[in-house]
PDB file of N, CA and C in Angstrom:
ATOM      1  N   MET A   1       4.597   9.051  27.769  1.00  0.00           N
ATOM      2  CA  MET A   1       4.911  10.313  27.127  1.00  0.00           C
ATOM      3  C   MET A   1       3.680  11.223  27.206  1.00  0.00           C
ATOM      4  N   SER A   2       3.917  12.491  27.428  1.00  0.00           N
ATOM      5  CA  SER A   2       2.799  13.432  27.584  1.00  0.00           C
ATOM      6  C   SER A   2       2.158  13.748  26.231  1.00  0.00           C
ATOM      7  N   PRO A   3       0.893  14.141  26.238  1.00  0.00           N
ATOM      8  CA  PRO A   3       0.195  14.447  24.977  1.00  0.00           C
ATOM      9  C   PRO A   3       0.847  15.580  24.201  1.00  0.00           C
ATOM     10  N   GLU A   4       1.435  16.552  24.909  1.00  0.00           N
ATOM     11  CA  GLU A   4       2.077  17.678  24.232  1.00  0.00           C
ATOM     12  C   GLU A   4       3.296  17.240  23.426  1.00  0.00           C
ATOM     13  N   ASN A   5       3.983  16.204  23.889  1.00  0.00           N
ATOM     14  CA  ASN A   5       5.160  15.706  23.184  1.00  0.00           C
ATOM     15  C   ASN A   5       4.792  14.733  22.071  1.00  0.00           C
ATOM     16  N   LEU A   6       3.635  14.110  22.165  1.00  0.00           N
ATOM     17  CA  LEU A   6       3.211  13.116  21.179  1.00  0.00           C
ATOM     18  C   LEU A   6       2.691  13.767  19.901  1.00  0.00           C
ATOM     19  N   ILE A   7       1.907  14.832  20.039  1.00  0.00           N
ATOM     20  CA  ILE A   7       1.349  15.554  18.898  1.00  0.00           C
ATOM     21  C   ILE A   7       2.300  16.705  18.573  1.00  0.00           C
ATOM     22  N   LEU A   8       2.899  16.678  17.383  1.00  0.00           N
ATOM     23  CA  LEU A   8       3.886  17.702  17.031  1.00  0.00           C
ATOM     24  C   LEU A   8       3.234  18.968  16.491  1.00  0.00           C
ATOM     25  N   ALA A   9       2.317  18.837  15.532  1.00  0.00           N
ATOM     26  CA  ALA A   9       1.710  20.025  14.926  1.00  0.00           C
ATOM     27  C   ALA A   9       0.509  19.615  14.092  1.00  0.00           C
ATOM     28  N   PRO A  10      -0.450  20.526  13.938  1.00  0.00           N
ATOM     29  CA  PRO A  10      -1.532  20.264  12.977  1.00  0.00           C
ATOM     30  C   PRO A  10      -1.005  20.481  11.567  1.00  0.00           C
ATOM     31  N   ILE A  11      -1.584  19.778  10.618  1.00  0.00           N
ATOM     32  CA  ILE A  11      -1.208  19.948   9.216  1.00  0.00           C
ATOM     33  C   ILE A  11      -2.322  20.732   8.543  1.00  0.00           C
ATOM     34  N   ILE A  12      -2.034  21.978   8.208  1.00  0.00           N
ATOM     35  CA  ILE A  12      -3.023  22.864   7.600  1.00  0.00           C
ATOM     36  C   ILE A  12      -2.689  22.985   6.122  1.00  0.00           C
ATOM     37  N   THR A  13      -3.325  22.182   5.303  1.00  0.00           N
ATOM     38  CA  THR A  13      -3.110  22.203   3.862  1.00  0.00           C
ATOM     39  C   THR A  13      -4.461  22.197   3.165  1.00  0.00           C
ATOM     40  N   GLU A  14      -4.423  22.329   1.869  1.00  0.00           N
ATOM     41  CA  GLU A  14      -5.664  22.292   1.099  1.00  0.00           C
ATOM     42  C   GLU A  14      -6.331  20.922   1.210  1.00  0.00           C
ATOM     43  N   LYS A  15      -5.522  19.877   1.142  1.00  0.00           N
ATOM     44  CA  LYS A  15      -6.054  18.519   1.261  1.00  0.00           C
ATOM     45  C   LYS A  15      -6.643  18.287   2.655  1.00  0.00           C
ATOM     46  N   GLY A  16      -5.973  18.798   3.686  1.00  0.00           N
ATOM     47  CA  GLY A  16      -6.467  18.654   5.044  1.00  0.00           C
ATOM     48  C   GLY A  16      -7.756  19.415   5.285  1.00  0.00           C
ATOM     49  N   THR A  17      -7.872  20.594   4.694  1.00  0.00           N
ATOM     50  CA  THR A  17      -9.095  21.382   4.814  1.00  0.00           C
ATOM     51  C   THR A  17     -10.259  20.680   4.123  1.00  0.00           C
ATOM     52  N   PHE A  18      -9.998  20.083   2.975  1.00  0.00           N
ATOM     53  CA  PHE A  18     -11.028  19.333   2.254  1.00  0.00           C
ATOM     54  C   PHE A  18     -11.493  18.135   3.076  1.00  0.00           C
ATOM     55  N   ALA A  19     -10.549  17.408   3.711  1.00  0.00           N
ATOM     56  CA  ALA A  19     -10.900  16.249   4.546  1.00  0.00           C
ATOM     57  C   ALA A  19     -11.716  16.688   5.757  1.00  0.00           C
ATOM     58  N   ASN A  20     -11.420  17.860   6.289  1.00  0.00           N
ATOM     59  CA  ASN A  20     -12.158  18.370   7.441  1.00  0.00           C
ATOM     60  C   ASN A  20     -13.590  18.718   7.056  1.00  0.00           C
ATOM     61  N   GLU A  21     -13.779  19.332   5.900  1.00  0.00           N
ATOM     62  CA  GLU A  21     -15.121  19.712   5.462  1.00  0.00           C
ATOM     63  C   GLU A  21     -15.970  18.497   5.086  1.00  0.00           C
ATOM     64  N   LYS A  22     -15.382  17.538   4.392  1.00  0.00           N
ATOM     65  CA  LYS A  22     -16.150  16.385   3.898  1.00  0.00           C
ATOM     66  C   LYS A  22     -16.383  15.306   4.952  1.00  0.00           C
ATOM     67  N   ALA A  23     -15.337  14.960   5.706  1.00  0.00           N
ATOM     68  CA  ALA A  23     -15.440  13.802   6.598  1.00  0.00           C
ATOM     69  C   ALA A  23     -15.258  14.134   8.069  1.00  0.00           C
ATOM     70  N   GLY A  24     -15.055  15.398   8.413  1.00  0.00           N
ATOM     71  CA  GLY A  24     -14.847  15.762   9.807  1.00  0.00           C
ATOM     72  C   GLY A  24     -13.519  15.277  10.348  1.00  0.00           C
ATOM     73  N   GLN A  25     -12.496  15.233   9.486  1.00  0.00           N
ATOM     74  CA  GLN A  25     -11.174  14.757   9.888  1.00  0.00           C
ATOM     75  C   GLN A  25     -10.219  15.929  10.071  1.00  0.00           C
ATOM     76  N   VAL A  26      -9.290  15.755  11.014  1.00  0.00           N
ATOM     77  CA  VAL A  26      -8.244  16.742  11.251  1.00  0.00           C
ATOM     78  C   VAL A  26      -6.917  16.015  11.114  1.00  0.00           C
ATOM     79  N   LEU A  27      -5.927  16.661  10.473  1.00  0.00           N
ATOM     80  CA  LEU A  27      -4.628  16.046  10.239  1.00  0.00           C
ATOM     81  C   LEU A  27      -3.607  16.574  11.230  1.00  0.00           C
ATOM     82  N   PHE A  28      -2.790  15.667  11.749  1.00  0.00           N
ATOM     83  CA  PHE A  28      -1.735  16.030  12.692  1.00  0.00           C
ATOM     84  C   PHE A  28      -0.441  15.336  12.307  1.00  0.00           C
ATOM     85  N   ARG A  29       0.671  16.026  12.557  1.00  0.00           N
ATOM     86  CA  ARG A  29       1.987  15.400  12.461  1.00  0.00           C
ATOM     87  C   ARG A  29       2.300  14.899  13.858  1.00  0.00           C
ATOM     88  N   VAL A  30       2.603  13.601  13.989  1.00  0.00           N
ATOM     89  CA  VAL A  30       2.804  12.988  15.299  1.00  0.00           C
ATOM     90  C   VAL A  30       4.169  12.308  15.336  1.00  0.00           C
ATOM     91  N   ARG A  31       4.570  11.906  16.532  1.00  0.00           N
ATOM     92  CA  ARG A  31       5.834  11.184  16.695  1.00  0.00           C
ATOM     93  C   ARG A  31       5.780   9.871  15.915  1.00  0.00           C
ATOM     94  N   GLU A  32       6.920   9.456  15.433  1.00  0.00           N
ATOM     95  CA  GLU A  32       6.986   8.271  14.581  1.00  0.00           C
ATOM     96  C   GLU A  32       6.593   6.995  15.316  1.00  0.00           C
ATOM     97  N   HIS A  33       6.846   6.922  16.606  1.00  0.00           N
ATOM     98  CA  HIS A  33       6.551   5.701  17.366  1.00  0.00           C
ATOM     99  C   HIS A  33       5.173   5.719  18.036  1.00  0.00           C
ATOM    100  N   ALA A  34       4.370   6.743  17.794  1.00  0.00           N
ATOM    101  CA  ALA A  34       3.061   6.874  18.446  1.00  0.00           C
ATOM    102  C   ALA A  34       2.066   5.854  17.886  1.00  0.00           C
ATOM    103  N   SER A  35       1.324   5.209  18.785  1.00  0.00           N
ATOM    104  CA  SER A  35       0.300   4.256  18.363  1.00  0.00           C
ATOM    105  C   SER A  35      -1.030   4.985  18.194  1.00  0.00           C
ATOM    106  N   LYS A  36      -1.995   4.324  17.574  1.00  0.00           N
ATOM    107  CA  LYS A  36      -3.311   4.932  17.356  1.00  0.00           C
ATOM    108  C   LYS A  36      -4.018   5.224  18.682  1.00  0.00           C
ATOM    109  N   ASP A  37      -3.894   4.320  19.652  1.00  0.00           N
ATOM    110  CA  ASP A  37      -4.525   4.537  20.951  1.00  0.00           C
ATOM    111  C   ASP A  37      -3.910   5.731  21.674  1.00  0.00           C
ATOM    112  N   GLN A  38      -2.588   5.878  21.597  1.00  0.00           N
ATOM    113  CA  GLN A  38      -1.922   7.018  22.222  1.00  0.00           C
ATOM    114  C   GLN A  38      -2.350   8.327  21.557  1.00  0.00           C
ATOM    115  N   ILE A  39      -2.477   8.315  20.238  1.00  0.00           N
ATOM    116  CA  ILE A  39      -2.894   9.514  19.505  1.00  0.00           C
ATOM    117  C   ILE A  39      -4.317   9.884  19.898  1.00  0.00           C
ATOM    118  N   ARG A  40      -5.209   8.894  19.980  1.00  0.00           N
ATOM    119  CA  ARG A  40      -6.606   9.130  20.375  1.00  0.00           C
ATOM    120  C   ARG A  40      -6.674   9.785  21.761  1.00  0.00           C
ATOM    121  N   GLU A  41      -5.969   9.227  22.737  1.00  0.00           N
ATOM    122  CA  GLU A  41      -5.994   9.766  24.095  1.00  0.00           C
ATOM    123  C   GLU A  41      -5.423  11.180  24.147  1.00  0.00           C
ATOM    124  N   ALA A  42      -4.344  11.419  23.397  1.00  0.00           N
ATOM    125  CA  ALA A  42      -3.709  12.740  23.409  1.00  0.00           C
ATOM    126  C   ALA A  42      -4.632  13.806  22.821  1.00  0.00           C
ATOM    127  N   ILE A  43      -5.298  13.506  21.706  1.00  0.00           N
ATOM    128  CA  ILE A  43      -6.207  14.464  21.078  1.00  0.00           C
ATOM    129  C   ILE A  43      -7.395  14.747  21.989  1.00  0.00           C
ATOM    130  N   GLU A  44      -7.934  13.710  22.613  1.00  0.00           N
ATOM    131  CA  GLU A  44      -9.071  13.900  23.509  1.00  0.00           C
ATOM    132  C   GLU A  44      -8.699  14.737  24.729  1.00  0.00           C
ATOM    133  N   GLN A  45      -7.488  14.558  25.256  1.00  0.00           N
ATOM    134  CA  GLN A  45      -7.048  15.337  26.414  1.00  0.00           C
ATOM    135  C   GLN A  45      -6.740  16.787  26.038  1.00  0.00           C
ATOM    136  N   LEU A  46      -6.063  16.989  24.922  1.00  0.00           N
ATOM    137  CA  LEU A  46      -5.632  18.335  24.547  1.00  0.00           C
ATOM    138  C   LEU A  46      -6.783  19.221  24.090  1.00  0.00           C
ATOM    139  N   PHE A  47      -7.698  18.674  23.278  1.00  0.00           N
ATOM    140  CA  PHE A  47      -8.724  19.493  22.648  1.00  0.00           C
ATOM    141  C   PHE A  47     -10.136  19.263  23.188  1.00  0.00           C
ATOM    142  N   LYS A  48     -10.292  18.347  24.147  1.00  0.00           N
ATOM    143  CA  LYS A  48     -11.600  18.076  24.761  1.00  0.00           C
ATOM    144  C   LYS A  48     -12.667  17.740  23.725  1.00  0.00           C
ATOM    145  N   VAL A  49     -12.350  16.814  22.817  1.00  0.00           N
ATOM    146  CA  VAL A  49     -13.270  16.335  21.799  1.00  0.00           C
ATOM    147  C   VAL A  49     -13.341  14.815  21.874  1.00  0.00           C
ATOM    148  N   THR A  50     -14.303  14.223  21.177  1.00  0.00           N
ATOM    149  CA  THR A  50     -14.439  12.771  21.115  1.00  0.00           C
ATOM    150  C   THR A  50     -13.912  12.284  19.776  1.00  0.00           C
ATOM    151  N   VAL A  51     -12.956  11.372  19.822  1.00  0.00           N
ATOM    152  CA  VAL A  51     -12.348  10.826  18.614  1.00  0.00           C
ATOM    153  C   VAL A  51     -13.039   9.522  18.257  1.00  0.00           C
ATOM    154  N   VAL A  52     -13.486   9.415  16.999  1.00  0.00           N
ATOM    155  CA  VAL A  52     -14.166   8.212  16.532  1.00  0.00           C
ATOM    156  C   VAL A  52     -13.168   7.234  15.940  1.00  0.00           C
ATOM    157  N   LYS A  53     -12.247   7.723  15.110  1.00  0.00           N
ATOM    158  CA  LYS A  53     -11.315   6.841  14.412  1.00  0.00           C
ATOM    159  C   LYS A  53      -9.994   7.564  14.175  1.00  0.00           C
ATOM    160  N   VAL A  54      -8.907   6.801  14.160  1.00  0.00           N
ATOM    161  CA  VAL A  54      -7.577   7.339  13.856  1.00  0.00           C
ATOM    162  C   VAL A  54      -6.948   6.483  12.773  1.00  0.00           C
ATOM    163  N   ARG A  55      -6.500   7.140  11.714  1.00  0.00           N
ATOM    164  CA  ARG A  55      -5.745   6.462  10.650  1.00  0.00           C
ATOM    165  C   ARG A  55      -4.364   7.088  10.599  1.00  0.00           C
ATOM    166  N   THR A  56      -3.334   6.270  10.390  1.00  0.00           N
ATOM    167  CA  THR A  56      -1.979   6.804  10.354  1.00  0.00           C
ATOM    168  C   THR A  56      -1.275   6.406   9.069  1.00  0.00           C
ATOM    169  N   LEU A  57      -0.340   7.255   8.666  1.00  0.00           N
ATOM    170  CA  LEU A  57       0.496   6.990   7.502  1.00  0.00           C
ATOM    171  C   LEU A  57       1.940   7.271   7.884  1.00  0.00           C
ATOM    172  N   ASN A  58       2.841   6.379   7.499  1.00  0.00           N
ATOM    173  CA  ASN A  58       4.266   6.573   7.737  1.00  0.00           C
ATOM    174  C   ASN A  58       4.928   7.068   6.462  1.00  0.00           C
ATOM    175  N   PHE A  59       5.789   8.072   6.607  1.00  0.00           N
ATOM    176  CA  PHE A  59       6.495   8.640   5.473  1.00  0.00           C
ATOM    177  C   PHE A  59       7.993   8.462   5.675  1.00  0.00           C
ATOM    178  N   LEU A  60       8.673   7.981   4.635  1.00  0.00           N
ATOM    179  CA  LEU A  60      10.121   7.873   4.678  1.00  0.00           C
ATOM    180  C   LEU A  60      10.727   9.230   4.360  1.00  0.00           C
ATOM    181  N   GLY A  61      11.802   9.562   5.067  1.00  0.00           N
ATOM    182  CA  GLY A  61      12.493  10.814   4.806  1.00  0.00           C
ATOM    183  C   GLY A  61      13.175  10.778   3.443  1.00  0.00           C
ATOM    184  N   LYS A  62      13.186  11.908   2.776  1.00  0.00           N
ATOM    185  CA  LYS A  62      13.786  11.982   1.450  1.00  0.00           C
ATOM    186  C   LYS A  62      15.306  11.984   1.550  1.00  0.00           C
ATOM    187  N   GLU A  63      15.929  11.398   0.548  1.00  0.00           N
ATOM    188  CA  GLU A  63      17.384  11.451   0.474  1.00  0.00           C
ATOM    189  C   GLU A  63      17.800  12.786  -0.111  1.00  0.00           C
ATOM    190  N   ARG A  64      18.786  13.399   0.496  1.00  0.00           N
ATOM    191  CA  ARG A  64      19.299  14.683   0.034  1.00  0.00           C
ATOM    192  C   ARG A  64      20.790  14.554  -0.219  1.00  0.00           C
ATOM    193  N   ARG A  65      21.272  15.391  -1.109  1.00  0.00           N
ATOM    194  CA  ARG A  65      22.674  15.353  -1.443  1.00  0.00           C
ATOM    195  C   ARG A  65      23.160  16.776  -1.638  1.00  0.00           C
ATOM    196  N   LYS A  66      24.309  17.072  -1.068  1.00  0.00           N
ATOM    197  CA  LYS A  66      24.944  18.362  -1.253  1.00  0.00           C
ATOM    198  C   LYS A  66      26.409  18.102  -1.566  1.00  0.00           C
ATOM    199  N   GLY A  67      26.735  18.238  -2.832  1.00  0.00           N
ATOM    200  CA  GLY A  67      28.093  17.898  -3.246  1.00  0.00           C
ATOM    201  C   GLY A  67      28.308  16.403  -3.140  1.00  0.00           C
ATOM    202  N   LEU A  68      29.364  16.017  -2.459  1.00  0.00           N
ATOM    203  CA  LEU A  68      29.660  14.595  -2.285  1.00  0.00           C
ATOM    204  C   LEU A  68      28.975  14.005  -1.053  1.00  0.00           C
ATOM    205  N   LYS A  69      28.450  14.851  -0.203  1.00  0.00           N
ATOM    206  CA  LYS A  69      27.831  14.367   1.033  1.00  0.00           C
ATOM    207  C   LYS A  69      26.391  13.959   0.766  1.00  0.00           C
ATOM    208  N   LYS A  70      26.025  12.789   1.294  1.00  0.00           N
ATOM    209  CA  LYS A  70      24.654  12.303   1.202  1.00  0.00           C
ATOM    210  C   LYS A  70      24.028  12.342   2.581  1.00  0.00           C
ATOM    211  N   GLY A  71      22.736  12.562   2.604  1.00  0.00           N
ATOM    212  CA  GLY A  71      22.016  12.579   3.870  1.00  0.00           C
ATOM    213  C   GLY A  71      20.576  12.171   3.647  1.00  0.00           C
ATOM    214  N   ARG A  72      19.846  12.103   4.725  1.00  0.00           N
ATOM    215  CA  ARG A  72      18.447  11.716   4.651  1.00  0.00           C
ATOM    216  C   ARG A  72      17.688  12.546   5.667  1.00  0.00           C
ATOM    217  N   GLN A  73      16.511  13.039   5.249  1.00  0.00           N
ATOM    218  CA  GLN A  73      15.642  13.733   6.185  1.00  0.00           C
ATOM    219  C   GLN A  73      15.010  12.709   7.119  1.00  0.00           C
ATOM    220  N   MET A  74      14.463  13.188   8.219  1.00  0.00           N
ATOM    221  CA  MET A  74      13.871  12.284   9.200  1.00  0.00           C
ATOM    222  C   MET A  74      12.580  11.661   8.678  1.00  0.00           C
ATOM    223  N   ASN A  75      12.312  10.433   9.094  1.00  0.00           N
ATOM    224  CA  ASN A  75      11.020   9.802   8.825  1.00  0.00           C
ATOM    225  C   ASN A  75       9.968  10.476   9.697  1.00  0.00           C
ATOM    226  N   TRP A  76       8.707  10.466   9.240  1.00  0.00           N
ATOM    227  CA  TRP A  76       7.662  11.095  10.035  1.00  0.00           C
ATOM    228  C   TRP A  76       6.344  10.382   9.827  1.00  0.00           C
ATOM    229  N   LYS A  77       5.367  10.697  10.677  1.00  0.00           N
ATOM    230  CA  LYS A  77       4.065  10.035  10.662  1.00  0.00           C
ATOM    231  C   LYS A  77       2.964  11.086  10.652  1.00  0.00           C
ATOM    232  N   LYS A  78       1.924  10.822   9.840  1.00  0.00           N
ATOM    233  CA  LYS A  78       0.748  11.691   9.753  1.00  0.00           C
ATOM    234  C   LYS A  78      -0.444  10.921  10.296  1.00  0.00           C
ATOM    235  N   ALA A  79      -1.304  11.614  11.049  1.00  0.00           N
ATOM    236  CA  ALA A  79      -2.497  10.983  11.611  1.00  0.00           C
ATOM    237  C   ALA A  79      -3.739  11.712  11.125  1.00  0.00           C
ATOM    238  N   TYR A  80      -4.683  10.953  10.543  1.00  0.00           N
ATOM    239  CA  TYR A  80      -6.013  11.458  10.199  1.00  0.00           C
ATOM    240  C   TYR A  80      -6.923  11.116  11.367  1.00  0.00           C
ATOM    241  N   VAL A  81      -7.423  12.132  12.069  1.00  0.00           N
ATOM    242  CA  VAL A  81      -8.259  11.931  13.249  1.00  0.00           C
ATOM    243  C   VAL A  81      -9.688  12.302  12.890  1.00  0.00           C
ATOM    244  N   THR A  82     -10.600  11.329  12.961  1.00  0.00           N
ATOM    245  CA  THR A  82     -12.015  11.567  12.687  1.00  0.00           C
ATOM    246  C   THR A  82     -12.718  11.894  13.994  1.00  0.00           C
ATOM    247  N   LEU A  83     -13.393  13.048  14.019  1.00  0.00           N
ATOM    248  CA  LEU A  83     -14.079  13.506  15.220  1.00  0.00           C
ATOM    249  C   LEU A  83     -15.548  13.112  15.189  1.00  0.00           C
ATOM    250  N   LYS A  84     -16.162  13.103  16.375  1.00  0.00           N
ATOM    251  CA  LYS A  84     -17.589  12.807  16.496  1.00  0.00           C
ATOM    252  C   LYS A  84     -18.389  13.874  15.753  1.00  0.00           C
ATOM    253  N   GLU A  85     -19.519  13.483  15.202  1.00  0.00           N
ATOM    254  CA  GLU A  85     -20.387  14.385  14.433  1.00  0.00           C
ATOM    255  C   GLU A  85     -20.729  15.630  15.259  1.00  0.00           C
ATOM    256  N   GLY A  86     -20.518  16.799  14.683  1.00  0.00           N
ATOM    257  CA  GLY A  86     -20.839  18.047  15.347  1.00  0.00           C
ATOM    258  C   GLY A  86     -19.688  18.674  16.121  1.00  0.00           C
ATOM    259  N   GLU A  87     -18.611  17.944  16.355  1.00  0.00           N
ATOM    260  CA  GLU A  87     -17.463  18.489  17.070  1.00  0.00           C
ATOM    261  C   GLU A  87     -16.397  18.919  16.069  1.00  0.00           C
ATOM    262  N   LYS A  88     -15.620  19.939  16.448  1.00  0.00           N
ATOM    263  CA  LYS A  88     -14.526  20.354  15.580  1.00  0.00           C
ATOM    264  C   LYS A  88     -13.455  21.034  16.402  1.00  0.00           C
ATOM    265  N   ILE A  89     -12.274  21.120  15.816  1.00  0.00           N
ATOM    266  CA  ILE A  89     -11.125  21.757  16.449  1.00  0.00           C
ATOM    267  C   ILE A  89     -10.823  23.020  15.651  1.00  0.00           C
ATOM    268  N   GLU A  90     -10.808  24.170  16.332  1.00  0.00           N
ATOM    269  CA  GLU A  90     -10.510  25.437  15.672  1.00  0.00           C
ATOM    270  C   GLU A  90      -9.054  25.798  15.948  1.00  0.00           C
ATOM    271  N   PHE A  91      -8.257  25.944  14.883  1.00  0.00           N
ATOM    272  CA  PHE A  91      -6.864  26.337  15.038  1.00  0.00           C
ATOM    273  C   PHE A  91      -6.700  27.842  14.941  1.00  0.00           C
ATOM    274  N   PHE A  92      -7.549  28.505  14.146  1.00  0.00           N
ATOM    275  CA  PHE A  92      -7.477  29.941  13.970  1.00  0.00           C
ATOM    276  C   PHE A  92      -8.794  30.556  14.412  1.00  0.00           C
ATOM    277  N   GLU A  93      -8.986  30.690  15.706  1.00  0.00           N
ATOM    278  CA  GLU A  93     -10.251  31.164  16.235  1.00  0.00           C
ATOM    279  C   GLU A  93     -10.444  32.663  16.041  1.00  0.00           C
ATOM    280  N   GLY A  94      -9.361  33.445  16.014  1.00  0.00           N
ATOM    281  CA  GLY A  94      -9.477  34.884  15.944  1.00  0.00           C
ATOM    282  C   GLY A  94      -9.686  35.419  14.542  1.00  0.00           C
ATOM    283  N   LEU A  95      -9.617  34.585  13.519  1.00  0.00           N
ATOM    284  CA  LEU A  95      -9.737  35.062  12.146  1.00  0.00           C
ATOM    285  C   LEU A  95     -11.148  35.061  11.658  1.00  0.00           C
TER     286      LEU A  95
END
């Protein structure tokens, strides 16, 4: 699978910004079946940075109900990517 399909989107939140400032970590939403090695290679290819460590978390989709119909949102995975000291990924370069 190509790196563009493996990494879905960066997660830009207050918690993610704090992790970036304190530990040099960047958060990404990735495909549910992606392994840590695949995530590492994809980030290094896409952003031309050196990845030191990758941590992942799996999230179960929430159950939703509308009237009598029940459903479930999709499961998803979050990746905390720790970059080499001094390197960073800029998502909003023009601001």
